[in-house]
Amino acid sequence: FQEWTGDLDRFPFLLILKRNGEQFILRAAF
């Protein structure tokens, strides 16, 4: 739905939702 941009590196905690078919993965980059 959105593209990665360098501004996202400014957040010390970033939650990422990824869909793979009918499955969903939550990833935290911190």
Full PDB file with SEQRES, HELIX, SHEET, SSBOND, CRYST1, ORIGX, SCALE, CONECT and MASTER records, all heavy atoms in Angstrom:
SEQRES   1 A   30  PHE GLN GLU TRP THR GLY ASP LEU ASP ARG PHE PRO PHE          
SEQRES   2 A   30  LEU LEU ILE LEU LYS ARG ASN GLY GLU GLN PHE ILE LEU          
SEQRES   3 A   30  ARG ALA ALA PHE                                              
HELIX    1 AA1 GLY A    6  ARG A   10  5                                   5    
SHEET    1 AA1 2 LEU A  14  ASN A  20  0                                        
SHEET    2 AA1 2 GLN A  23  ALA A  29 -1                                        
CRYST1    1.000    1.000    1.000  90.00  90.00  90.00 P 1           1          
ORIGX1      1.000000  0.000000  0.000000        0.00000                         
ORIGX2      0.000000  1.000000  0.000000        0.00000                         
ORIGX3      0.000000  0.000000  1.000000        0.00000                         
SCALE1      1.000000  0.000000  0.000000        0.00000                         
SCALE2      0.000000  1.000000  0.000000        0.00000                         
SCALE3      0.000000  0.000000  1.000000        0.00000                         
ATOM      1  N   PHE A   1       0.839  -1.193   0.000  1.00  0.00           N  
ATOM      2  CA  PHE A   1       0.000   0.000   0.000  1.00  0.00           C  
ATOM      3  C   PHE A   1       0.877   1.246   0.000  1.00  0.00           C  
ATOM      4  O   PHE A   1       0.516   2.272  -0.576  1.00  0.00           O  
ATOM      5  CB  PHE A   1      -0.910  -0.018   1.232  1.00  0.00           C  
ATOM      6  CG  PHE A   1      -1.735   1.226   1.419  1.00  0.00           C  
ATOM      7  CD1 PHE A   1      -2.756   1.541   0.534  1.00  0.00           C  
ATOM      8  CD2 PHE A   1      -1.514   2.078   2.489  1.00  0.00           C  
ATOM      9  CE1 PHE A   1      -3.523   2.692   0.712  1.00  0.00           C  
ATOM     10  CE2 PHE A   1      -2.276   3.220   2.676  1.00  0.00           C  
ATOM     11  CZ  PHE A   1      -3.287   3.526   1.771  1.00  0.00           C  
ATOM     12  N   GLN A   2       2.051   1.119   0.627  1.00  0.00           N  
ATOM     13  CA  GLN A   2       2.988   2.242   0.719  1.00  0.00           C  
ATOM     14  C   GLN A   2       4.383   1.782   0.322  1.00  0.00           C  
ATOM     15  O   GLN A   2       4.707   0.589   0.379  1.00  0.00           O  
ATOM     16  CB  GLN A   2       3.014   2.779   2.153  1.00  0.00           C  
ATOM     17  CG  GLN A   2       1.695   3.366   2.616  1.00  0.00           C  
ATOM     18  CD  GLN A   2       1.557   3.314   4.122  1.00  0.00           C  
ATOM     19  OE1 GLN A   2       1.552   2.242   4.721  1.00  0.00           O  
ATOM     20  NE2 GLN A   2       1.440   4.464   4.757  1.00  0.00           N  
ATOM     21  N   GLU A   3       5.202   2.713  -0.064  1.00  0.00           N  
ATOM     22  CA  GLU A   3       6.586   2.434  -0.421  1.00  0.00           C  
ATOM     23  C   GLU A   3       7.518   2.909   0.678  1.00  0.00           C  
ATOM     24  O   GLU A   3       7.208   3.860   1.404  1.00  0.00           O  
ATOM     25  CB  GLU A   3       6.962   3.141  -1.734  1.00  0.00           C  
ATOM     26  CG  GLU A   3       6.265   2.570  -2.954  1.00  0.00           C  
ATOM     27  CD  GLU A   3       6.724   3.250  -4.232  1.00  0.00           C  
ATOM     28  OE1 GLU A   3       7.190   4.406  -4.148  1.00  0.00           O  
ATOM     29  OE2 GLU A   3       6.614   2.635  -5.296  1.00  0.00           O  
ATOM     30  N   TRP A   4       8.651   2.235   0.771  1.00  0.00           N  
ATOM     31  CA  TRP A   4       9.651   2.642   1.755  1.00  0.00           C  
ATOM     32  C   TRP A   4      10.261   3.972   1.340  1.00  0.00           C  
ATOM     33  O   TRP A   4      10.558   4.217   0.176  1.00  0.00           O  
ATOM     34  CB  TRP A   4      10.740   1.589   1.870  1.00  0.00           C  
ATOM     35  CG  TRP A   4      11.701   1.883   2.972  1.00  0.00           C  
ATOM     36  CD1 TRP A   4      12.797   2.695   2.930  1.00  0.00           C  
ATOM     37  CD2 TRP A   4      11.611   1.403   4.313  1.00  0.00           C  
ATOM     38  NE1 TRP A   4      13.407   2.743   4.146  1.00  0.00           N  
ATOM     39  CE2 TRP A   4      12.699   1.972   5.024  1.00  0.00           C  
ATOM     40  CE3 TRP A   4      10.721   0.568   4.984  1.00  0.00           C  
ATOM     41  CZ2 TRP A   4      12.917   1.696   6.361  1.00  0.00           C  
ATOM     42  CZ3 TRP A   4      10.943   0.297   6.316  1.00  0.00           C  
ATOM     43  CH2 TRP A   4      12.030   0.865   6.993  1.00  0.00           C  
ATOM     44  N   THR A   5      10.439   4.846   2.315  1.00  0.00           N  
ATOM     45  CA  THR A   5      11.129   6.120   2.083  1.00  0.00           C  
ATOM     46  C   THR A   5      12.124   6.341   3.215  1.00  0.00           C  
ATOM     47  O   THR A   5      11.941   5.822   4.326  1.00  0.00           O  
ATOM     48  CB  THR A   5      10.123   7.293   2.023  1.00  0.00           C  
ATOM     49  OG1 THR A   5      10.828   8.536   1.966  1.00  0.00           O  
ATOM     50  CG2 THR A   5       9.217   7.311   3.239  1.00  0.00           C  
ATOM     51  N   GLY A   6      13.189   7.074   2.929  1.00  0.00           N  
ATOM     52  CA  GLY A   6      14.240   7.279   3.914  1.00  0.00           C  
ATOM     53  C   GLY A   6      13.760   7.936   5.197  1.00  0.00           C  
ATOM     54  O   GLY A   6      14.358   7.758   6.259  1.00  0.00           O  
ATOM     55  N   ASP A   7      12.655   8.691   5.114  1.00  0.00           N  
ATOM     56  CA  ASP A   7      12.119   9.344   6.307  1.00  0.00           C  
ATOM     57  C   ASP A   7      11.714   8.336   7.385  1.00  0.00           C  
ATOM     58  O   ASP A   7      11.680   8.662   8.570  1.00  0.00           O  
ATOM     59  CB  ASP A   7      10.899  10.204   5.952  1.00  0.00           C  
ATOM     60  CG  ASP A   7      11.281  11.528   5.311  1.00  0.00           C  
ATOM     61  OD1 ASP A   7      12.330  12.082   5.690  1.00  0.00           O  
ATOM     62  OD2 ASP A   7      10.545  11.996   4.432  1.00  0.00           O  
ATOM     63  N   LEU A   8      11.402   7.114   6.973  1.00  0.00           N  
ATOM     64  CA  LEU A   8      10.991   6.100   7.948  1.00  0.00           C  
ATOM     65  C   LEU A   8      12.131   5.714   8.879  1.00  0.00           C  
ATOM     66  O   LEU A   8      11.896   5.217   9.987  1.00  0.00           O  
ATOM     67  CB  LEU A   8      10.455   4.861   7.225  1.00  0.00           C  
ATOM     68  CG  LEU A   8       9.145   5.075   6.464  1.00  0.00           C  
ATOM     69  CD1 LEU A   8       8.817   3.862   5.606  1.00  0.00           C  
ATOM     70  CD2 LEU A   8       7.996   5.351   7.431  1.00  0.00           C  
ATOM     71  N   ASP A   9      13.368   5.949   8.454  1.00  0.00           N  
ATOM     72  CA  ASP A   9      14.521   5.652   9.314  1.00  0.00           C  
ATOM     73  C   ASP A   9      14.585   6.597  10.509  1.00  0.00           C  
ATOM     74  O   ASP A   9      15.355   6.353  11.445  1.00  0.00           O  
ATOM     75  CB  ASP A   9      15.820   5.750   8.506  1.00  0.00           C  
ATOM     76  CG  ASP A   9      15.954   4.610   7.510  1.00  0.00           C  
ATOM     77  OD1 ASP A   9      15.467   3.502   7.813  1.00  0.00           O  
ATOM     78  OD2 ASP A   9      16.531   4.831   6.423  1.00  0.00           O  
ATOM     79  N   ARG A  10      13.810   7.668  10.484  1.00  0.00           N  
ATOM     80  CA  ARG A  10      13.816   8.621  11.598  1.00  0.00           C  
ATOM     81  C   ARG A  10      13.072   8.081  12.819  1.00  0.00           C  
ATOM     82  O   ARG A  10      13.211   8.601  13.914  1.00  0.00           O  
ATOM     83  CB  ARG A  10      13.194   9.944  11.158  1.00  0.00           C  
ATOM     84  CG  ARG A  10      13.937  10.622  10.025  1.00  0.00           C  
ATOM     85  CD  ARG A  10      13.215  11.856   9.527  1.00  0.00           C  
ATOM     86  NE  ARG A  10      13.193  12.928  10.522  1.00  0.00           N  
ATOM     87  CZ  ARG A  10      12.659  14.122  10.307  1.00  0.00           C  
ATOM     88  NH1 ARG A  10      12.099  14.381   9.144  1.00  0.00           N  
ATOM     89  NH2 ARG A  10      12.663  15.042  11.255  1.00  0.00           N  
ATOM     90  N   PHE A  11      12.247   7.047  12.600  1.00  0.00           N  
ATOM     91  CA  PHE A  11      11.474   6.489  13.711  1.00  0.00           C  
ATOM     92  C   PHE A  11      12.275   5.403  14.419  1.00  0.00           C  
ATOM     93  O   PHE A  11      12.646   4.403  13.799  1.00  0.00           O  
ATOM     94  CB  PHE A  11      10.158   5.898  13.208  1.00  0.00           C  
ATOM     95  CG  PHE A  11       9.226   6.910  12.614  1.00  0.00           C  
ATOM     96  CD1 PHE A  11       9.156   7.092  11.242  1.00  0.00           C  
ATOM     97  CD2 PHE A  11       8.431   7.699  13.432  1.00  0.00           C  
ATOM     98  CE1 PHE A  11       8.303   8.033  10.690  1.00  0.00           C  
ATOM     99  CE2 PHE A  11       7.581   8.647  12.893  1.00  0.00           C  
ATOM    100  CZ  PHE A  11       7.519   8.814  11.520  1.00  0.00           C  
ATOM    101  N   PRO A  12      12.533   5.566  15.722  1.00  0.00           N  
ATOM    102  CA  PRO A  12      13.273   4.527  16.438  1.00  0.00           C  
ATOM    103  C   PRO A  12      12.500   3.220  16.572  1.00  0.00           C  
ATOM    104  O   PRO A  12      13.084   2.182  16.843  1.00  0.00           O  
ATOM    105  CB  PRO A  12      13.539   5.151  17.812  1.00  0.00           C  
ATOM    106  CG  PRO A  12      12.546   6.247  17.950  1.00  0.00           C  
ATOM    107  CD  PRO A  12      12.257   6.733  16.570  1.00  0.00           C  
ATOM    108  N   PHE A  13      11.172   3.279  16.346  1.00  0.00           N  
ATOM    109  CA  PHE A  13      10.365   2.058  16.315  1.00  0.00           C  
ATOM    110  C   PHE A  13       9.409   2.133  15.133  1.00  0.00           C  
ATOM    111  O   PHE A  13       8.612   3.065  15.027  1.00  0.00           O  
ATOM    112  CB  PHE A  13       9.562   1.871  17.606  1.00  0.00           C  
ATOM    113  CG  PHE A  13       8.795   0.577  17.655  1.00  0.00           C  
ATOM    114  CD1 PHE A  13       9.351  -0.544  18.250  1.00  0.00           C  
ATOM    115  CD2 PHE A  13       7.534   0.473  17.079  1.00  0.00           C  
ATOM    116  CE1 PHE A  13       8.660  -1.743  18.274  1.00  0.00           C  
ATOM    117  CE2 PHE A  13       6.839  -0.723  17.092  1.00  0.00           C  
ATOM    118  CZ  PHE A  13       7.405  -1.840  17.698  1.00  0.00           C  
ATOM    119  N   LEU A  14       9.502   1.149  14.240  1.00  0.00           N  
ATOM    120  CA  LEU A  14       8.649   1.117  13.055  1.00  0.00           C  
ATOM    121  C   LEU A  14       7.975  -0.243  12.967  1.00  0.00           C  
ATOM    122  O   LEU A  14       8.635  -1.280  12.960  1.00  0.00           O  
ATOM    123  CB  LEU A  14       9.477   1.367  11.791  1.00  0.00           C  
ATOM    124  CG  LEU A  14       8.718   1.329  10.458  1.00  0.00           C  
ATOM    125  CD1 LEU A  14       7.756   2.502  10.353  1.00  0.00           C  
ATOM    126  CD2 LEU A  14       9.698   1.345   9.281  1.00  0.00           C  
ATOM    127  N   LEU A  15       6.643  -0.240  12.909  1.00  0.00           N  
ATOM    128  CA  LEU A  15       5.876  -1.465  12.736  1.00  0.00           C  
ATOM    129  C   LEU A  15       5.532  -1.615  11.258  1.00  0.00           C  
ATOM    130  O   LEU A  15       5.049  -0.676  10.627  1.00  0.00           O  
ATOM    131  CB  LEU A  15       4.596  -1.415  13.569  1.00  0.00           C  
ATOM    132  CG  LEU A  15       3.702  -2.659  13.485  1.00  0.00           C  
ATOM    133  CD1 LEU A  15       4.381  -3.852  14.162  1.00  0.00           C  
ATOM    134  CD2 LEU A  15       2.332  -2.394  14.118  1.00  0.00           C  
ATOM    135  N   ILE A  16       5.781  -2.810  10.722  1.00  0.00           N  
ATOM    136  CA  ILE A  16       5.562  -3.079   9.297  1.00  0.00           C  
ATOM    137  C   ILE A  16       4.597  -4.258   9.169  1.00  0.00           C  
ATOM    138  O   ILE A  16       4.819  -5.317   9.758  1.00  0.00           O  
ATOM    139  CB  ILE A  16       6.888  -3.417   8.593  1.00  0.00           C  
ATOM    140  CG1 ILE A  16       7.895  -2.282   8.783  1.00  0.00           C  
ATOM    141  CG2 ILE A  16       6.653  -3.682   7.110  1.00  0.00           C  
ATOM    142  CD1 ILE A  16       9.337  -2.689   8.607  1.00  0.00           C  
ATOM    143  N   LEU A  17       3.518  -4.048   8.436  1.00  0.00           N  
ATOM    144  CA  LEU A  17       2.569  -5.120   8.138  1.00  0.00           C  
ATOM    145  C   LEU A  17       2.812  -5.584   6.706  1.00  0.00           C  
ATOM    146  O   LEU A  17       2.848  -4.777   5.779  1.00  0.00           O  
ATOM    147  CB  LEU A  17       1.130  -4.625   8.293  1.00  0.00           C  
ATOM    148  CG  LEU A  17       0.026  -5.632   7.921  1.00  0.00           C  
ATOM    149  CD1 LEU A  17       0.022  -6.813   8.881  1.00  0.00           C  
ATOM    150  CD2 LEU A  17      -1.341  -4.947   7.907  1.00  0.00           C  
ATOM    151  N   LYS A  18       2.970  -6.889   6.544  1.00  0.00           N  
ATOM    152  CA  LYS A  18       3.203  -7.457   5.211  1.00  0.00           C  
ATOM    153  C   LYS A  18       2.206  -8.577   4.957  1.00  0.00           C  
ATOM    154  O   LYS A  18       1.986  -9.430   5.818  1.00  0.00           O  
ATOM    155  CB  LYS A  18       4.626  -7.997   5.098  1.00  0.00           C  
ATOM    156  CG  LYS A  18       4.959  -8.540   3.711  1.00  0.00           C  
ATOM    157  CD  LYS A  18       6.405  -8.973   3.614  1.00  0.00           C  
ATOM    158  CE  LYS A  18       6.746  -9.479   2.209  1.00  0.00           C  
ATOM    159  NZ  LYS A  18       8.159  -9.896   2.103  1.00  0.00           N  
ATOM    160  N   ARG A  19       1.602  -8.545   3.789  1.00  0.00           N  
ATOM    161  CA  ARG A  19       0.650  -9.595   3.407  1.00  0.00           C  
ATOM    162  C   ARG A  19       1.285 -10.526   2.395  1.00  0.00           C  
ATOM    163  O   ARG A  19       1.909 -10.090   1.434  1.00  0.00           O  
ATOM    164  CB  ARG A  19      -0.620  -8.970   2.832  1.00  0.00           C  
ATOM    165  CG  ARG A  19      -1.686  -9.999   2.452  1.00  0.00           C  
ATOM    166  CD  ARG A  19      -2.965  -9.338   1.976  1.00  0.00           C  
ATOM    167  NE  ARG A  19      -3.991 -10.325   1.662  1.00  0.00           N  
ATOM    168  CZ  ARG A  19      -5.217 -10.021   1.246  1.00  0.00           C  
ATOM    169  NH1 ARG A  19      -5.564  -8.743   1.113  1.00  0.00           N  
ATOM    170  NH2 ARG A  19      -6.094 -10.967   0.986  1.00  0.00           N  
ATOM    171  N   ASN A  20       1.112 -11.822   2.628  1.00  0.00           N  
ATOM    172  CA  ASN A  20       1.591 -12.838   1.700  1.00  0.00           C  
ATOM    173  C   ASN A  20       0.426 -13.788   1.425  1.00  0.00           C  
ATOM    174  O   ASN A  20       0.199 -14.736   2.161  1.00  0.00           O  
ATOM    175  CB  ASN A  20       2.777 -13.598   2.306  1.00  0.00           C  
ATOM    176  CG  ASN A  20       3.366 -14.599   1.331  1.00  0.00           C  
ATOM    177  OD1 ASN A  20       3.080 -14.569   0.140  1.00  0.00           O  
ATOM    178  ND2 ASN A  20       4.184 -15.507   1.843  1.00  0.00           N  
ATOM    179  N   GLY A  21      -0.342 -13.490   0.375  1.00  0.00           N  
ATOM    180  CA  GLY A  21      -1.542 -14.265   0.105  1.00  0.00           C  
ATOM    181  C   GLY A  21      -2.595 -13.987   1.166  1.00  0.00           C  
ATOM    182  O   GLY A  21      -3.038 -12.863   1.341  1.00  0.00           O  
ATOM    183  N   GLU A  22      -2.966 -15.033   1.898  1.00  0.00           N  
ATOM    184  CA  GLU A  22      -3.949 -14.895   2.976  1.00  0.00           C  
ATOM    185  C   GLU A  22      -3.277 -14.789   4.343  1.00  0.00           C  
ATOM    186  O   GLU A  22      -3.962 -14.795   5.365  1.00  0.00           O  
ATOM    187  CB  GLU A  22      -4.916 -16.093   2.961  1.00  0.00           C  
ATOM    188  CG  GLU A  22      -5.760 -16.191   1.692  1.00  0.00           C  
ATOM    189  CD  GLU A  22      -6.663 -14.976   1.510  1.00  0.00           C  
ATOM    190  OE1 GLU A  22      -7.475 -14.701   2.404  1.00  0.00           O  
ATOM    191  OE2 GLU A  22      -6.531 -14.299   0.462  1.00  0.00           O  
ATOM    192  N   GLN A  23      -1.960 -14.713   4.357  1.00  0.00           N  
ATOM    193  CA  GLN A  23      -1.218 -14.635   5.610  1.00  0.00           C  
ATOM    194  C   GLN A  23      -0.680 -13.218   5.828  1.00  0.00           C  
ATOM    195  O   GLN A  23      -0.412 -12.488   4.874  1.00  0.00           O  
ATOM    196  CB  GLN A  23      -0.056 -15.632   5.609  1.00  0.00           C  
ATOM    197  CG  GLN A  23      -0.496 -17.090   5.534  1.00  0.00           C  
ATOM    198  CD  GLN A  23      -1.364 -17.479   6.708  1.00  0.00           C  
ATOM    199  OE1 GLN A  23      -1.027 -17.205   7.859  1.00  0.00           O  
ATOM    200  NE2 GLN A  23      -2.497 -18.125   6.420  1.00  0.00           N  
ATOM    201  N   PHE A  24      -0.518 -12.875   7.104  1.00  0.00           N  
ATOM    202  CA  PHE A  24       0.003 -11.555   7.464  1.00  0.00           C  
ATOM    203  C   PHE A  24       1.157 -11.702   8.452  1.00  0.00           C  
ATOM    204  O   PHE A  24       1.093 -12.515   9.385  1.00  0.00           O  
ATOM    205  CB  PHE A  24      -1.093 -10.695   8.105  1.00  0.00           C  
ATOM    206  CG  PHE A  24      -2.174 -10.291   7.158  1.00  0.00           C  
ATOM    207  CD1 PHE A  24      -3.305 -11.080   6.996  1.00  0.00           C  
ATOM    208  CD2 PHE A  24      -2.065  -9.127   6.405  1.00  0.00           C  
ATOM    209  CE1 PHE A  24      -4.308 -10.716   6.126  1.00  0.00           C  
ATOM    210  CE2 PHE A  24      -3.070  -8.757   5.526  1.00  0.00           C  
ATOM    211  CZ  PHE A  24      -4.194  -9.546   5.383  1.00  0.00           C  
ATOM    212  N   ILE A  25       2.193 -10.913   8.216  1.00  0.00           N  
ATOM    213  CA  ILE A  25       3.355 -10.906   9.101  1.00  0.00           C  
ATOM    214  C   ILE A  25       3.547  -9.499   9.657  1.00  0.00           C  
ATOM    215  O   ILE A  25       3.482  -8.511   8.908  1.00  0.00           O  
ATOM    216  CB  ILE A  25       4.634 -11.340   8.351  1.00  0.00           C  
ATOM    217  CG1 ILE A  25       4.487 -12.785   7.853  1.00  0.00           C  
ATOM    218  CG2 ILE A  25       5.859 -11.207   9.239  1.00  0.00           C  
ATOM    219  CD1 ILE A  25       5.618 -13.234   6.947  1.00  0.00           C  
ATOM    220  N   LEU A  26       3.749  -9.411  10.953  1.00  0.00           N  
ATOM    221  CA  LEU A  26       4.093  -8.148  11.606  1.00  0.00           C  
ATOM    222  C   LEU A  26       5.596  -8.144  11.844  1.00  0.00           C  
ATOM    223  O   LEU A  26       6.147  -9.095  12.394  1.00  0.00           O  
ATOM    224  CB  LEU A  26       3.374  -8.021  12.945  1.00  0.00           C  
ATOM    225  CG  LEU A  26       1.859  -7.793  12.904  1.00  0.00           C  
ATOM    226  CD1 LEU A  26       1.279  -7.962  14.305  1.00  0.00           C  
ATOM    227  CD2 LEU A  26       1.542  -6.403  12.371  1.00  0.00           C  
ATOM    228  N   ARG A  27       6.242  -7.075  11.437  1.00  0.00           N  
ATOM    229  CA  ARG A  27       7.690  -6.963  11.661  1.00  0.00           C  
ATOM    230  C   ARG A  27       7.992  -5.642  12.345  1.00  0.00           C  
ATOM    231  O   ARG A  27       7.455  -4.596  11.944  1.00  0.00           O  
ATOM    232  CB  ARG A  27       8.452  -7.063  10.342  1.00  0.00           C  
ATOM    233  CG  ARG A  27       9.972  -7.149  10.524  1.00  0.00           C  
ATOM    234  CD  ARG A  27      10.679  -7.537   9.254  1.00  0.00           C  
ATOM    235  NE  ARG A  27      10.801  -6.434   8.311  1.00  0.00           N  
ATOM    236  CZ  ARG A  27      10.143  -6.337   7.176  1.00  0.00           C  
ATOM    237  NH1 ARG A  27       9.279  -7.274   6.831  1.00  0.00           N  
ATOM    238  NH2 ARG A  27      10.323  -5.305   6.366  1.00  0.00           N  
ATOM    239  N   ALA A  28       8.809  -5.676  13.349  1.00  0.00           N  
ATOM    240  CA  ALA A  28       9.237  -4.459  14.039  1.00  0.00           C  
ATOM    241  C   ALA A  28      10.694  -4.181  13.701  1.00  0.00           C  
ATOM    242  O   ALA A  28      11.551  -5.055  13.848  1.00  0.00           O  
ATOM    243  CB  ALA A  28       9.079  -4.623  15.547  1.00  0.00           C  
ATOM    244  N   ALA A  29      10.962  -2.973  13.200  1.00  0.00           N  
ATOM    245  CA  ALA A  29      12.331  -2.507  12.981  1.00  0.00           C  
ATOM    246  C   ALA A  29      12.588  -1.436  14.029  1.00  0.00           C  
ATOM    247  O   ALA A  29      11.891  -0.431  14.063  1.00  0.00           O  
ATOM    248  CB  ALA A  29      12.488  -1.943  11.570  1.00  0.00           C  
ATOM    249  N   PHE A  30      13.559  -1.672  14.903  1.00  0.00           N  
ATOM    250  CA  PHE A  30      13.711  -0.790  16.057  1.00  0.00           C  
ATOM    251  C   PHE A  30      15.179  -0.574  16.414  1.00  0.00           C  
ATOM    252  O   PHE A  30      16.057  -1.339  16.019  1.00  0.00           O  
ATOM    253  CB  PHE A  30      12.968  -1.375  17.262  1.00  0.00           C  
ATOM    254  CG  PHE A  30      13.471  -2.732  17.701  1.00  0.00           C  
ATOM    255  CD1 PHE A  30      14.356  -2.863  18.759  1.00  0.00           C  
ATOM    256  CD2 PHE A  30      13.053  -3.880  17.048  1.00  0.00           C  
ATOM    257  CE1 PHE A  30      14.816  -4.104  19.154  1.00  0.00           C  
ATOM    258  CE2 PHE A  30      13.500  -5.137  17.443  1.00  0.00           C  
ATOM    259  CZ  PHE A  30      14.383  -5.246  18.503  1.00  0.00           C  
TER     260      PHE A  30                                                      
MASTER        0    0    0    1    2    0    0    6  259    1    0    3          
END                                                                             
